[in-house]
Amino acid sequence: MIIISLIINSLLFFFLLNFSYMKRKKENPNYPNKPVSQLLLFPLALGIVFTLVMDVFKGFMIYQLVLFAVAALLLYWIFYVLSKK
């Protein structure tokens, strides 16, 4: 799933950052070429960073849900199971 997310994010950044360049290049073939670092590497780097950040946030969310479930079970056990005894 992370590979699909990386591909989608990289393509999204590529099209967002290079849309106007591709439009100008299509209208005027003599328009100067964009450096490879700006054309390909920068959108790829942004896609990698964005994918990693989003996966870290997903991991934190799952960790928080697990902690909440453990705390809820502990409170249930304290208030309902122990109070019957």
C-alpha atoms as a PDB file:
ATOM      1  CA  MET A   1       0.000   0.000   0.000  1.00  0.00           C
ATOM      2  CA  ILE A   2       2.879   2.359   0.730  1.00  0.00           C
ATOM      3  CA  ILE A   3       4.227   1.919  -2.813  1.00  0.00           C
ATOM      4  CA  ILE A   4       0.875   2.864  -4.342  1.00  0.00           C
ATOM      5  CA  SER A   5       0.672   5.885  -2.049  1.00  0.00           C
ATOM      6  CA  LEU A   6       4.223   6.898  -3.013  1.00  0.00           C
ATOM      7  CA  ILE A   7       3.441   6.635  -6.728  1.00  0.00           C
ATOM      8  CA  ILE A   8       0.214   8.632  -6.426  1.00  0.00           C
ATOM      9  CA  ASN A   9       1.825  11.343  -4.289  1.00  0.00           C
ATOM     10  CA  SER A  10       4.847  11.650  -6.584  1.00  0.00           C
ATOM     11  CA  LEU A  11       2.679  11.904  -9.701  1.00  0.00           C
ATOM     12  CA  LEU A  12       0.455  14.465  -8.020  1.00  0.00           C
ATOM     13  CA  PHE A  13       3.426  16.647  -7.076  1.00  0.00           C
ATOM     14  CA  PHE A  14       4.938  16.183 -10.553  1.00  0.00           C
ATOM     15  CA  PHE A  15       1.791  17.443 -12.283  1.00  0.00           C
ATOM     16  CA  LEU A  16       1.212  20.254  -9.795  1.00  0.00           C
ATOM     17  CA  LEU A  17       4.747  21.598 -10.046  1.00  0.00           C
ATOM     18  CA  ASN A  18       5.233  21.097 -13.793  1.00  0.00           C
ATOM     19  CA  PHE A  19       1.793  21.852 -15.245  1.00  0.00           C
ATOM     20  CA  SER A  20       2.578  25.416 -16.304  1.00  0.00           C
ATOM     21  CA  TYR A  21       5.997  24.377 -17.658  1.00  0.00           C
ATOM     22  CA  MET A  22       4.492  21.609 -19.794  1.00  0.00           C
ATOM     23  CA  LYS A  23       1.815  24.018 -21.045  1.00  0.00           C
ATOM     24  CA  ARG A  24       4.412  26.636 -22.044  1.00  0.00           C
ATOM     25  CA  LYS A  25       6.671  24.002 -23.627  1.00  0.00           C
ATOM     26  CA  LYS A  26       3.756  22.704 -25.703  1.00  0.00           C
ATOM     27  CA  GLU A  27       2.856  26.204 -26.915  1.00  0.00           C
ATOM     28  CA  ASN A  28       6.465  27.194 -27.622  1.00  0.00           C
ATOM     29  CA  PRO A  29       8.901  24.330 -28.360  1.00  0.00           C
ATOM     30  CA  ASN A  30      11.812  26.796 -28.077  1.00  0.00           C
ATOM     31  CA  TYR A  31      11.008  27.438 -24.412  1.00  0.00           C
ATOM     32  CA  PRO A  32      14.134  26.624 -22.321  1.00  0.00           C
ATOM     33  CA  ASN A  33      14.352  23.186 -20.773  1.00  0.00           C
ATOM     34  CA  LYS A  34      13.836  22.820 -17.054  1.00  0.00           C
ATOM     35  CA  PRO A  35      16.706  21.178 -15.100  1.00  0.00           C
ATOM     36  CA  VAL A  36      16.159  17.508 -14.242  1.00  0.00           C
ATOM     37  CA  SER A  37      16.478  18.281 -10.538  1.00  0.00           C
ATOM     38  CA  GLN A  38      13.500  20.650 -10.733  1.00  0.00           C
ATOM     39  CA  LEU A  39      11.565  18.589 -13.244  1.00  0.00           C
ATOM     40  CA  LEU A  40      11.802  15.137 -11.664  1.00  0.00           C
ATOM     41  CA  LEU A  41      13.835  14.992  -8.462  1.00  0.00           C
ATOM     42  CA  PHE A  42      12.062  17.736  -6.488  1.00  0.00           C
ATOM     43  CA  PRO A  43       8.536  16.301  -7.033  1.00  0.00           C
ATOM     44  CA  LEU A  44       9.852  12.804  -6.256  1.00  0.00           C
ATOM     45  CA  ALA A  45      11.458  14.025  -3.029  1.00  0.00           C
ATOM     46  CA  LEU A  46       8.249  15.802  -2.014  1.00  0.00           C
ATOM     47  CA  GLY A  47       6.258  12.640  -2.745  1.00  0.00           C
ATOM     48  CA  ILE A  48       8.594  10.539  -0.585  1.00  0.00           C
ATOM     49  CA  VAL A  49       8.499  12.991   2.324  1.00  0.00           C
ATOM     50  CA  PHE A  50       4.718  13.382   2.150  1.00  0.00           C
ATOM     51  CA  THR A  51       4.208   9.610   2.028  1.00  0.00           C
ATOM     52  CA  LEU A  52       6.487   9.058   5.034  1.00  0.00           C
ATOM     53  CA  VAL A  53       4.804  11.812   7.054  1.00  0.00           C
ATOM     54  CA  MET A  54       1.326  10.459   6.309  1.00  0.00           C
ATOM     55  CA  ASP A  55       2.356   6.902   7.228  1.00  0.00           C
ATOM     56  CA  VAL A  56       3.834   8.132  10.511  1.00  0.00           C
ATOM     57  CA  PHE A  57       0.554   9.906  11.300  1.00  0.00           C
ATOM     58  CA  LYS A  58      -1.361   6.709  10.491  1.00  0.00           C
ATOM     59  CA  GLY A  59       0.940   4.821  12.859  1.00  0.00           C
ATOM     60  CA  PHE A  60       0.373   7.376  15.636  1.00  0.00           C
ATOM     61  CA  MET A  61      -3.380   7.136  15.129  1.00  0.00           C
ATOM     62  CA  ILE A  62      -3.351   3.339  15.412  1.00  0.00           C
ATOM     63  CA  TYR A  63      -1.109   3.583  18.492  1.00  0.00           C
ATOM     64  CA  GLN A  64      -3.534   6.054  20.105  1.00  0.00           C
ATOM     65  CA  LEU A  65      -6.513   3.823  19.310  1.00  0.00           C
ATOM     66  CA  VAL A  66      -4.771   0.853  20.923  1.00  0.00           C
ATOM     67  CA  LEU A  67      -3.952   2.928  24.029  1.00  0.00           C
ATOM     68  CA  PHE A  68      -7.565   4.129  24.199  1.00  0.00           C
ATOM     69  CA  ALA A  69      -8.874   0.553  23.937  1.00  0.00           C
ATOM     70  CA  VAL A  70      -6.528  -0.614  26.709  1.00  0.00           C
ATOM     71  CA  ALA A  71      -7.545   2.304  28.939  1.00  0.00           C
ATOM     72  CA  ALA A  72     -11.242   1.688  28.235  1.00  0.00           C
ATOM     73  CA  LEU A  73     -10.932  -2.003  29.080  1.00  0.00           C
ATOM     74  CA  LEU A  74      -9.026  -1.195  32.270  1.00  0.00           C
ATOM     75  CA  LEU A  75     -11.629   1.362  33.358  1.00  0.00           C
ATOM     76  CA  TYR A  76     -14.454  -1.064  32.532  1.00  0.00           C
ATOM     77  CA  TRP A  77     -12.765  -3.736  34.577  1.00  0.00           C
ATOM     78  CA  ILE A  78     -12.217  -1.345  37.523  1.00  0.00           C
ATOM     79  CA  PHE A  79     -15.704   0.174  37.582  1.00  0.00           C
ATOM     80  CA  TYR A  80     -17.919  -2.752  36.565  1.00  0.00           C
ATOM     81  CA  VAL A  81     -16.127  -6.006  37.316  1.00  0.00           C
ATOM     82  CA  LEU A  82     -14.527  -5.033  40.605  1.00  0.00           C
ATOM     83  CA  SER A  83     -17.605  -3.138  41.865  1.00  0.00           C
ATOM     84  CA  LYS A  84     -19.731  -6.335  41.668  1.00  0.00           C
ATOM     85  CA  LYS A  85     -17.445  -8.109  44.124  1.00  0.00           C
END
